[in-house]
PDB file of N, CA and C in Angstrom:
ATOM      1  N   UNK A   1      -3.865   4.443 -11.794  1.00  0.00           N
ATOM      2  CA  UNK A   1      -4.509   3.384 -10.836  1.00  0.00           C
ATOM      3  C   UNK A   1      -4.811   3.841  -9.389  1.00  0.00           C
ATOM      4  N   UNK A   2      -3.388   4.452  -8.901  1.00  0.00           N
ATOM      5  CA  UNK A   2      -3.357   5.051  -7.624  1.00  0.00           C
ATOM      6  C   UNK A   2      -2.926   6.388  -7.797  1.00  0.00           C
ATOM      7  N   UNK A   3      -3.379   7.202  -7.382  1.00  0.00           N
ATOM      8  CA  UNK A   3      -2.880   8.889  -7.337  1.00  0.00           C
ATOM      9  C   UNK A   3      -2.351   9.367  -5.876  1.00  0.00           C
ATOM     10  N   UNK A   4      -1.118   9.886  -5.920  1.00  0.00           N
ATOM     11  CA  UNK A   4      -0.782  10.451  -4.782  1.00  0.00           C
ATOM     12  C   UNK A   4      -1.692  11.594  -4.169  1.00  0.00           C
ATOM     13  N   UNK A   5      -1.611  11.561  -2.865  1.00  0.00           N
ATOM     14  CA  UNK A   5      -2.547  12.449  -2.273  1.00  0.00           C
ATOM     15  C   UNK A   5      -3.968  12.103  -2.210  1.00  0.00           C
ATOM     16  N   UNK A   6      -4.548  10.975  -2.853  1.00  0.00           N
ATOM     17  CA  UNK A   6      -5.784  10.642  -3.009  1.00  0.00           C
ATOM     18  C   UNK A   6      -6.120   9.635  -1.616  1.00  0.00           C
ATOM     19  N   UNK A   7      -7.313   9.777  -0.897  1.00  0.00           N
ATOM     20  CA  UNK A   7      -7.660   8.759   0.164  1.00  0.00           C
ATOM     21  C   UNK A   7      -7.235   7.256  -0.161  1.00  0.00           C
ATOM     22  N   UNK A   8      -6.771   6.462   0.532  1.00  0.00           N
ATOM     23  CA  UNK A   8      -6.470   5.216   0.374  1.00  0.00           C
ATOM     24  C   UNK A   8      -6.273   4.496   1.705  1.00  0.00           C
ATOM     25  N   UNK A   9      -6.857   3.245   1.599  1.00  0.00           N
ATOM     26  CA  UNK A   9      -6.510   2.257   2.521  1.00  0.00           C
ATOM     27  C   UNK A   9      -6.356   1.210   2.390  1.00  0.00           C
ATOM     28  N   UNK A  10      -5.602   0.607   1.298  1.00  0.00           N
ATOM     29  CA  UNK A  10      -5.437  -0.504   0.704  1.00  0.00           C
ATOM     30  C   UNK A  10      -3.649  -0.706   0.151  1.00  0.00           C
ATOM     31  N   UNK A  11      -3.336  -1.858   0.437  1.00  0.00           N
ATOM     32  CA  UNK A  11      -1.977  -2.341   0.253  1.00  0.00           C
ATOM     33  C   UNK A  11      -2.367  -3.117  -1.046  1.00  0.00           C
ATOM     34  N   UNK A  12      -1.350  -2.687  -2.243  1.00  0.00           N
ATOM     35  CA  UNK A  12      -1.168  -3.453  -3.305  1.00  0.00           C
ATOM     36  C   UNK A  12      -0.077  -4.382  -3.471  1.00  0.00           C
ATOM     37  N   UNK A  13      -0.184  -5.640  -4.041  1.00  0.00           N
ATOM     38  CA  UNK A  13       0.933  -6.479  -4.446  1.00  0.00           C
ATOM     39  C   UNK A  13       0.846  -6.991  -5.591  1.00  0.00           C
ATOM     40  N   UNK A  14       1.801  -6.674  -6.612  1.00  0.00           N
ATOM     41  CA  UNK A  14       1.634  -6.915  -7.865  1.00  0.00           C
ATOM     42  C   UNK A  14       2.119  -8.360  -8.008  1.00  0.00           C
ATOM     43  N   UNK A  15       1.029  -9.043  -8.562  1.00  0.00           N
ATOM     44  CA  UNK A  15       0.868 -10.440  -8.948  1.00  0.00           C
ATOM     45  C   UNK A  15       1.543 -10.647 -10.254  1.00  0.00           C
ATOM     46  N   UNK A  16       1.182  -9.959 -11.453  1.00  0.00           N
ATOM     47  CA  UNK A  16       1.944 -10.247 -12.576  1.00  0.00           C
ATOM     48  C   UNK A  16       1.876  -8.686 -13.220  1.00  0.00           C
ATOM     49  N   UNK A  17       2.689  -8.546 -14.171  1.00  0.00           N
ATOM     50  CA  UNK A  17       2.794  -7.291 -14.938  1.00  0.00           C
ATOM     51  C   UNK A  17       3.845  -6.567 -14.504  1.00  0.00           C
ATOM     52  N   UNK A  18       3.562  -5.059 -14.885  1.00  0.00           N
ATOM     53  CA  UNK A  18       4.753  -3.982 -14.650  1.00  0.00           C
ATOM     54  C   UNK A  18       4.097  -2.750 -14.368  1.00  0.00           C
ATOM     55  N   UNK A  19       4.450  -2.242 -13.196  1.00  0.00           N
ATOM     56  CA  UNK A  19       3.694  -0.816 -12.502  1.00  0.00           C
ATOM     57  C   UNK A  19       4.694   0.273 -12.574  1.00  0.00           C
ATOM     58  N   UNK A  20       4.446   1.320 -13.040  1.00  0.00           N
ATOM     59  CA  UNK A  20       5.462   2.513 -12.865  1.00  0.00           C
ATOM     60  C   UNK A  20       4.871   3.183 -11.877  1.00  0.00           C
ATOM     61  N   UNK A  21       5.906   3.502 -10.861  1.00  0.00           N
ATOM     62  CA  UNK A  21       5.690   4.105  -9.717  1.00  0.00           C
ATOM     63  C   UNK A  21       6.541   5.372  -9.325  1.00  0.00           C
ATOM     64  N   UNK A  22       5.927   6.474  -8.850  1.00  0.00           N
ATOM     65  CA  UNK A  22       6.639   7.613  -8.578  1.00  0.00           C
ATOM     66  C   UNK A  22       6.312   8.213  -7.114  1.00  0.00           C
ATOM     67  N   UNK A  23       7.165   8.553  -6.498  1.00  0.00           N
ATOM     68  CA  UNK A  23       7.060   9.155  -5.226  1.00  0.00           C
ATOM     69  C   UNK A  23       8.094  10.084  -4.929  1.00  0.00           C
ATOM     70  N   UNK A  24       8.242  10.741  -3.674  1.00  0.00           N
ATOM     71  CA  UNK A  24       9.140  12.034  -3.330  1.00  0.00           C
ATOM     72  C   UNK A  24      10.534  11.619  -3.747  1.00  0.00           C
ATOM     73  N   UNK A  25      10.893  10.455  -3.434  1.00  0.00           N
ATOM     74  CA  UNK A  25      12.221   9.762  -3.750  1.00  0.00           C
ATOM     75  C   UNK A  25      12.781   9.438  -4.992  1.00  0.00           C
ATOM     76  N   UNK A  26      11.757   9.683  -6.066  1.00  0.00           N
ATOM     77  CA  UNK A  26      11.973   9.095  -7.520  1.00  0.00           C
ATOM     78  C   UNK A  26      11.056   8.309  -8.085  1.00  0.00           C
ATOM     79  N   UNK A  27      11.652   7.490  -9.095  1.00  0.00           N
ATOM     80  CA  UNK A  27      10.573   6.624  -9.663  1.00  0.00           C
ATOM     81  C   UNK A  27      11.023   5.344  -9.878  1.00  0.00           C
ATOM     82  N   UNK A  28      10.211   4.406 -10.145  1.00  0.00           N
ATOM     83  CA  UNK A  28      10.569   3.101 -10.289  1.00  0.00           C
ATOM     84  C   UNK A  28       9.680   2.069 -11.227  1.00  0.00           C
ATOM     85  N   UNK A  29      10.096   1.274 -11.854  1.00  0.00           N
ATOM     86  CA  UNK A  29       9.329   0.168 -12.634  1.00  0.00           C
ATOM     87  C   UNK A  29       9.550  -1.044 -11.763  1.00  0.00           C
ATOM     88  N   UNK A  30       8.340  -1.605 -11.347  1.00  0.00           N
ATOM     89  CA  UNK A  30       8.250  -2.640 -10.398  1.00  0.00           C
ATOM     90  C   UNK A  30       7.353  -3.624 -11.189  1.00  0.00           C
ATOM     91  N   UNK A  31       7.662  -4.871 -10.634  1.00  0.00           N
ATOM     92  CA  UNK A  31       7.003  -6.043 -11.128  1.00  0.00           C
ATOM     93  C   UNK A  31       6.402  -7.140  -9.942  1.00  0.00           C
ATOM     94  N   UNK A  32       6.122  -8.329 -10.556  1.00  0.00           N
ATOM     95  CA  UNK A  32       5.452  -9.139  -9.501  1.00  0.00           C
ATOM     96  C   UNK A  32       6.466  -9.389  -8.121  1.00  0.00           C
ATOM     97  N   UNK A  33       5.616  -9.278  -7.163  1.00  0.00           N
ATOM     98  CA  UNK A  33       6.143  -9.121  -5.823  1.00  0.00           C
ATOM     99  C   UNK A  33       6.444  -7.915  -5.001  1.00  0.00           C
ATOM    100  N   UNK A  34       6.214  -6.803  -5.833  1.00  0.00           N
ATOM    101  CA  UNK A  34       6.515  -5.644  -5.356  1.00  0.00           C
ATOM    102  C   UNK A  34       5.152  -5.219  -4.811  1.00  0.00           C
ATOM    103  N   UNK A  35       5.009  -4.100  -3.681  1.00  0.00           N
ATOM    104  CA  UNK A  35       4.065  -3.813  -3.180  1.00  0.00           C
ATOM    105  C   UNK A  35       3.998  -2.295  -2.877  1.00  0.00           C
ATOM    106  N   UNK A  36       2.817  -1.684  -2.642  1.00  0.00           N
ATOM    107  CA  UNK A  36       2.893  -0.154  -2.292  1.00  0.00           C
ATOM    108  C   UNK A  36       1.640  -0.063  -1.558  1.00  0.00           C
ATOM    109  N   UNK A  37       1.302   0.904  -0.911  1.00  0.00           N
ATOM    110  CA  UNK A  37       0.278   1.228   0.001  1.00  0.00           C
ATOM    111  C   UNK A  37       0.300   0.593   1.458  1.00  0.00           C
ATOM    112  N   UNK A  38       1.705   0.319   2.029  1.00  0.00           N
ATOM    113  CA  UNK A  38       1.985  -0.296   3.144  1.00  0.00           C
ATOM    114  C   UNK A  38       1.375   0.661   4.355  1.00  0.00           C
ATOM    115  N   UNK A  39       1.507   1.931   4.099  1.00  0.00           N
ATOM    116  CA  UNK A  39       1.170   2.820   5.319  1.00  0.00           C
ATOM    117  C   UNK A  39      -0.267   2.840   5.367  1.00  0.00           C
ATOM    118  N   UNK A  40      -0.817   3.008   4.334  1.00  0.00           N
ATOM    119  CA  UNK A  40      -2.265   3.149   4.447  1.00  0.00           C
ATOM    120  C   UNK A  40      -3.024   1.928   4.851  1.00  0.00           C
ATOM    121  N   UNK A  41      -2.582   0.777   4.714  1.00  0.00           N
ATOM    122  CA  UNK A  41      -3.284  -0.131   5.089  1.00  0.00           C
ATOM    123  C   UNK A  41      -3.000  -0.702   6.642  1.00  0.00           C
ATOM    124  N   UNK A  42      -1.735  -0.166   6.979  1.00  0.00           N
ATOM    125  CA  UNK A  42      -1.362   0.063   8.643  1.00  0.00           C
ATOM    126  C   UNK A  42      -2.112   1.233   9.125  1.00  0.00           C
ATOM    127  N   UNK A  43      -2.637   2.060   8.578  1.00  0.00           N
ATOM    128  CA  UNK A  43      -3.473   3.185   9.112  1.00  0.00           C
ATOM    129  C   UNK A  43      -2.398   4.514   9.513  1.00  0.00           C
ATOM    130  N   UNK A  44      -0.968   4.429   8.931  1.00  0.00           N
ATOM    131  CA  UNK A  44      -0.046   5.271   9.225  1.00  0.00           C
ATOM    132  C   UNK A  44      -0.425   6.528   8.380  1.00  0.00           C
ATOM    133  N   UNK A  45      -1.090   6.330   7.282  1.00  0.00           N
ATOM    134  CA  UNK A  45      -1.356   7.423   6.371  1.00  0.00           C
ATOM    135  C   UNK A  45      -2.954   7.075   5.683  1.00  0.00           C
ATOM    136  N   UNK A  46      -3.600   8.263   5.552  1.00  0.00           N
ATOM    137  CA  UNK A  46      -4.853   8.079   4.982  1.00  0.00           C
ATOM    138  C   UNK A  46      -5.126   8.546   3.582  1.00  0.00           C
ATOM    139  N   UNK A  47      -3.822   8.709   3.042  1.00  0.00           N
ATOM    140  CA  UNK A  47      -3.802   9.230   1.591  1.00  0.00           C
ATOM    141  C   UNK A  47      -2.517   8.291   0.886  1.00  0.00           C
ATOM    142  N   UNK A  48      -2.660   8.365  -0.306  1.00  0.00           N
ATOM    143  CA  UNK A  48      -1.251   7.535  -1.036  1.00  0.00           C
ATOM    144  C   UNK A  48      -0.281   8.357  -1.290  1.00  0.00           C
ATOM    145  N   UNK A  49       0.881   7.905  -1.081  1.00  0.00           N
ATOM    146  CA  UNK A  49       2.077   8.679  -1.089  1.00  0.00           C
ATOM    147  C   UNK A  49       3.000   8.346  -2.558  1.00  0.00           C
ATOM    148  N   UNK A  50       2.070   7.577  -3.265  1.00  0.00           N
ATOM    149  CA  UNK A  50       2.854   7.089  -4.516  1.00  0.00           C
ATOM    150  C   UNK A  50       1.722   7.164  -5.619  1.00  0.00           C
ATOM    151  N   UNK A  51       2.274   7.647  -6.777  1.00  0.00           N
ATOM    152  CA  UNK A  51       1.446   7.539  -8.209  1.00  0.00           C
ATOM    153  C   UNK A  51       1.868   6.171  -8.694  1.00  0.00           C
ATOM    154  N   UNK A  52       0.974   5.456  -9.082  1.00  0.00           N
ATOM    155  CA  UNK A  52       1.154   4.028  -9.681  1.00  0.00           C
ATOM    156  C   UNK A  52       0.177   3.836 -11.121  1.00  0.00           C
ATOM    157  N   UNK A  53       0.870   3.519 -11.837  1.00  0.00           N
ATOM    158  CA  UNK A  53       0.297   3.618 -13.255  1.00  0.00           C
ATOM    159  C   UNK A  53       0.843   2.245 -13.879  1.00  0.00           C
ATOM    160  N   UNK A  54       0.031   1.309 -14.418  1.00  0.00           N
ATOM    161  CA  UNK A  54       0.206   0.045 -15.032  1.00  0.00           C
ATOM    162  C   UNK A  54       0.949   0.263 -16.346  1.00  0.00           C
ATOM    163  N   UNK A  55       1.992  -0.254 -16.721  1.00  0.00           N
ATOM    164  CA  UNK A  55       2.627  -0.001 -17.797  1.00  0.00           C
ATOM    165  C   UNK A  55       2.220  -1.139 -18.848  1.00  0.00           C
ATOM    166  N   UNK A  56       1.926  -2.326 -18.261  1.00  0.00           N
ATOM    167  CA  UNK A  56       1.291  -3.290 -19.141  1.00  0.00           C
ATOM    168  C   UNK A  56       0.078  -3.924 -18.181  1.00  0.00           C
ATOM    169  N   UNK A  57      -0.631  -4.719 -18.990  1.00  0.00           N
ATOM    170  CA  UNK A  57      -1.573  -5.260 -18.252  1.00  0.00           C
ATOM    171  C   UNK A  57      -1.020  -6.076 -16.998  1.00  0.00           C
ATOM    172  N   UNK A  58      -1.531  -5.783 -15.923  1.00  0.00           N
ATOM    173  CA  UNK A  58      -1.212  -6.344 -14.634  1.00  0.00           C
ATOM    174  C   UNK A  58      -2.305  -6.743 -13.898  1.00  0.00           C
ATOM    175  N   UNK A  59      -1.965  -7.692 -12.794  1.00  0.00           N
ATOM    176  CA  UNK A  59      -2.729  -8.300 -11.931  1.00  0.00           C
ATOM    177  C   UNK A  59      -2.297  -8.040 -10.621  1.00  0.00           C
ATOM    178  N   UNK A  60      -3.275  -7.957  -9.440  1.00  0.00           N
ATOM    179  CA  UNK A  60      -2.788  -7.584  -8.269  1.00  0.00           C
ATOM    180  C   UNK A  60      -3.394  -8.262  -7.189  1.00  0.00           C
ATOM    181  N   UNK A  61      -3.026  -8.547  -5.871  1.00  0.00           N
ATOM    182  CA  UNK A  61      -3.504  -9.062  -4.774  1.00  0.00           C
ATOM    183  C   UNK A  61      -3.763  -7.658  -4.112  1.00  0.00           C
ATOM    184  N   UNK A  62      -4.731  -7.432  -3.227  1.00  0.00           N
ATOM    185  CA  UNK A  62      -5.041  -6.380  -2.442  1.00  0.00           C
ATOM    186  C   UNK A  62      -5.779  -6.578  -1.244  1.00  0.00           C
ATOM    187  N   UNK A  63      -5.260  -5.866  -0.201  1.00  0.00           N
ATOM    188  CA  UNK A  63      -5.811  -5.988   1.274  1.00  0.00           C
ATOM    189  C   UNK A  63      -6.283  -4.568   1.543  1.00  0.00           C
ATOM    190  N   UNK A  64      -7.518  -4.352   1.865  1.00  0.00           N
ATOM    191  CA  UNK A  64      -7.914  -3.386   2.667  1.00  0.00           C
ATOM    192  C   UNK A  64      -7.625  -3.229   4.123  1.00  0.00           C
ATOM    193  N   UNK A  65      -7.518  -2.216   4.643  1.00  0.00           N
ATOM    194  CA  UNK A  65      -7.437  -1.704   5.956  1.00  0.00           C
ATOM    195  C   UNK A  65      -8.389  -2.619   6.905  1.00  0.00           C
ATOM    196  N   UNK A  66      -9.771  -2.674   6.645  1.00  0.00           N
ATOM    197  CA  UNK A  66     -10.578  -3.346   7.586  1.00  0.00           C
ATOM    198  C   UNK A  66     -10.490  -4.738   7.380  1.00  0.00           C
ATOM    199  N   UNK A  67     -10.050  -5.305   6.316  1.00  0.00           N
ATOM    200  CA  UNK A  67      -9.878  -6.849   6.375  1.00  0.00           C
ATOM    201  C   UNK A  67      -8.785  -6.907   6.875  1.00  0.00           C
ATOM    202  N   UNK A  68      -7.548  -6.273   6.941  1.00  0.00           N
ATOM    203  CA  UNK A  68      -6.200  -6.435   7.662  1.00  0.00           C
ATOM    204  C   UNK A  68      -6.600  -6.424   9.293  1.00  0.00           C
ATOM    205  N   UNK A  69      -7.063  -5.290   9.533  1.00  0.00           N
ATOM    206  CA  UNK A  69      -7.558  -5.103  11.087  1.00  0.00           C
ATOM    207  C   UNK A  69      -8.211  -6.404  11.740  1.00  0.00           C
ATOM    208  N   UNK A  70      -9.330  -6.991  10.561  1.00  0.00           N
ATOM    209  CA  UNK A  70     -10.040  -7.907  11.066  1.00  0.00           C
ATOM    210  C   UNK A  70      -9.107  -9.625  11.366  1.00  0.00           C
ATOM    211  N   UNK A  71      -8.236  -9.492  10.208  1.00  0.00           N
ATOM    212  CA  UNK A  71      -7.328 -10.696  10.405  1.00  0.00           C
ATOM    213  C   UNK A  71      -6.202 -10.484  11.420  1.00  0.00           C
ATOM    214  N   UNK A  72      -5.772  -9.206  11.980  1.00  0.00           N
ATOM    215  CA  UNK A  72      -4.848  -9.045  12.954  1.00  0.00           C
ATOM    216  C   UNK A  72      -5.588  -8.266  14.142  1.00  0.00           C
ATOM    217  N   UNK A  73      -6.566  -8.672  14.785  1.00  0.00           N
ATOM    218  CA  UNK A  73      -7.116  -7.846  15.689  1.00  0.00           C
ATOM    219  C   UNK A  73      -6.355  -7.121  16.701  1.00  0.00           C
ATOM    220  N   UNK A  74      -5.069  -7.940  17.156  1.00  0.00           N
ATOM    221  CA  UNK A  74      -4.594  -7.098  18.121  1.00  0.00           C
ATOM    222  C   UNK A  74      -3.414  -5.997  17.588  1.00  0.00           C
ATOM    223  N   UNK A  75      -3.499  -5.895  16.385  1.00  0.00           N
ATOM    224  CA  UNK A  75      -2.353  -4.802  15.708  1.00  0.00           C
ATOM    225  C   UNK A  75      -2.534  -3.666  16.274  1.00  0.00           C
ATOM    226  N   UNK A  76      -3.751  -3.016  16.386  1.00  0.00           N
ATOM    227  CA  UNK A  76      -3.640  -1.498  17.135  1.00  0.00           C
ATOM    228  C   UNK A  76      -3.396  -1.452  18.334  1.00  0.00           C
ATOM    229  N   UNK A  77      -3.656  -2.460  19.184  1.00  0.00           N
ATOM    230  CA  UNK A  77      -3.286  -2.454  20.759  1.00  0.00           C
ATOM    231  C   UNK A  77      -1.660  -2.540  20.505  1.00  0.00           C
ATOM    232  N   UNK A  78      -0.995  -3.322  19.810  1.00  0.00           N
ATOM    233  CA  UNK A  78       0.328  -3.610  19.811  1.00  0.00           C
ATOM    234  C   UNK A  78       1.121  -2.293  19.210  1.00  0.00           C
ATOM    235  N   UNK A  79       0.414  -1.615  18.279  1.00  0.00           N
ATOM    236  CA  UNK A  79       1.108  -0.406  17.660  1.00  0.00           C
ATOM    237  C   UNK A  79       1.184   0.643  18.786  1.00  0.00           C
ATOM    238  N   UNK A  80      -0.098   0.916  19.437  1.00  0.00           N
ATOM    239  CA  UNK A  80      -0.310   1.856  20.522  1.00  0.00           C
ATOM    240  C   UNK A  80       0.955   1.668  21.660  1.00  0.00           C
ATOM    241  N   UNK A  81       0.906   0.485  21.933  1.00  0.00           N
ATOM    242  CA  UNK A  81       2.001   0.020  22.874  1.00  0.00           C
ATOM    243  C   UNK A  81       3.606   0.410  22.510  1.00  0.00           C
ATOM    244  N   UNK A  82       3.817   0.072  21.160  1.00  0.00           N
ATOM    245  CA  UNK A  82       5.085   0.126  20.788  1.00  0.00           C
ATOM    246  C   UNK A  82       5.379   1.798  20.590  1.00  0.00           C
ATOM    247  N   UNK A  83       4.384   2.639  20.450  1.00  0.00           N
ATOM    248  CA  UNK A  83       4.639   4.102  20.249  1.00  0.00           C
ATOM    249  C   UNK A  83       5.019   4.632  21.355  1.00  0.00           C
ATOM    250  N   UNK A  84       4.401   4.219  22.351  1.00  0.00           N
ATOM    251  CA  UNK A  84       4.462   4.640  23.683  1.00  0.00           C
ATOM    252  C   UNK A  84       5.896   4.441  24.313  1.00  0.00           C
ATOM    253  N   UNK A  85       6.620   3.323  23.842  1.00  0.00           N
ATOM    254  CA  UNK A  85       7.904   2.848  24.426  1.00  0.00           C
ATOM    255  C   UNK A  85       9.035   3.808  23.844  1.00  0.00           C
TER     256      UNK A  85
END
């Protein structure tokens, strides 16, 4: 589903099912309500930092970076200000 090191700009939120995730810190089996891709949707990473594979049939909510930035137009300005502080 998602491969570590591959380009990504999407936040995934597990709506139903189970997803096996692996990352530098280890592995986890996550379910409804879990998310991954936060750094990509925020623009803090351009590649996925996690491998994610559906363990069973799963359903997701997802948000692409462009939709996120359209929904929160002041995010970039706020982030730049925060980083300078």
